[in-house]
Structure formats: C-alpha cells, structure tokens
Amino acid sequence: MTGWRRWLLVFFAATVVFAVGIAVGEAIHDNPKPGITLTSETTLHP
C-alpha cells in the first residue's frame, strides 16, 4: 500500500470515528436521564 493511500485510509477512519462520537454525544445530550417517570395527581377540595 502506498503512502498516500494509507494516509487516506487513516483520514477516512478518523472521520468516521469522529462522526460516531458526535452522534453518540448528541444522543446522550437529548436524553440525559433515561428511566421511569412517575406522575402523581392530587385533587384539592376548597
């Protein structure tokens, strides 16, 4: 494999890893606390 092909492959792999990292970071940012949400309802009488 010639030198420029190796550098092109390294650049492509680094770009893919960077893009996956950005996607994972955005997914974590969109939903930071996964889990069950409990909602309670109370009726107040005057």
Protein backbone atom coordinates (compact mmCIF):
# COMPACT_ATOMS: atom_id res chain seq x y z
CA MET A 1 0.00 0.00 0.00
CA THR A 2 1.43 3.34 -0.98
CA GLY A 3 1.90 6.20 1.45
CA TRP A 4 -0.94 8.39 0.22
CA ARG A 5 -3.43 5.52 0.29
CA ARG A 6 -2.53 4.73 3.87
CA TRP A 7 -3.00 8.38 4.89
CA LEU A 8 -6.31 8.49 3.03
CA LEU A 9 -7.47 5.37 4.90
CA VAL A 10 -6.37 6.84 8.25
CA PHE A 11 -8.15 10.11 7.47
CA PHE A 12 -11.34 8.26 6.48
CA ALA A 13 -11.28 6.10 9.63
CA ALA A 14 -10.69 9.15 11.84
CA THR A 15 -13.59 10.96 10.16
CA VAL A 16 -15.93 8.01 10.77
CA VAL A 17 -14.86 7.74 14.43
CA PHE A 18 -15.37 11.49 14.88
CA ALA A 19 -18.85 11.37 13.31
CA VAL A 20 -19.90 8.44 15.51
CA GLY A 21 -18.62 10.30 18.58
CA ILE A 22 -20.65 13.38 17.68
CA ALA A 23 -23.77 11.23 17.14
CA VAL A 24 -23.37 9.47 20.49
CA GLY A 25 -22.78 12.78 22.26
CA GLU A 26 -25.92 14.30 20.74
CA ALA A 27 -27.96 11.22 21.70
CA ILE A 28 -26.77 11.46 25.29
CA HIS A 29 -27.46 15.20 25.33
CA ASP A 30 -31.03 14.68 24.03
CA ASN A 31 -31.94 12.17 26.76
CA PRO A 32 -29.54 12.51 29.70
CA LYS A 33 -31.68 10.68 32.31
CA PRO A 34 -33.43 7.64 30.90
CA GLY A 35 -35.82 5.79 33.18
CA ILE A 36 -39.32 5.65 34.51
CA THR A 37 -41.15 8.91 35.14
CA LEU A 38 -43.71 8.86 37.92
CA THR A 39 -46.57 11.33 37.78
CA SER A 40 -48.91 11.93 40.69
CA GLU A 41 -52.25 13.69 40.57
CA THR A 42 -53.88 15.32 43.61
CA THR A 43 -57.34 16.85 43.80
CA LEU A 44 -57.72 19.77 46.20
CA HIS A 45 -61.17 20.49 47.64
CA PRO A 46 -61.96 24.05 48.81
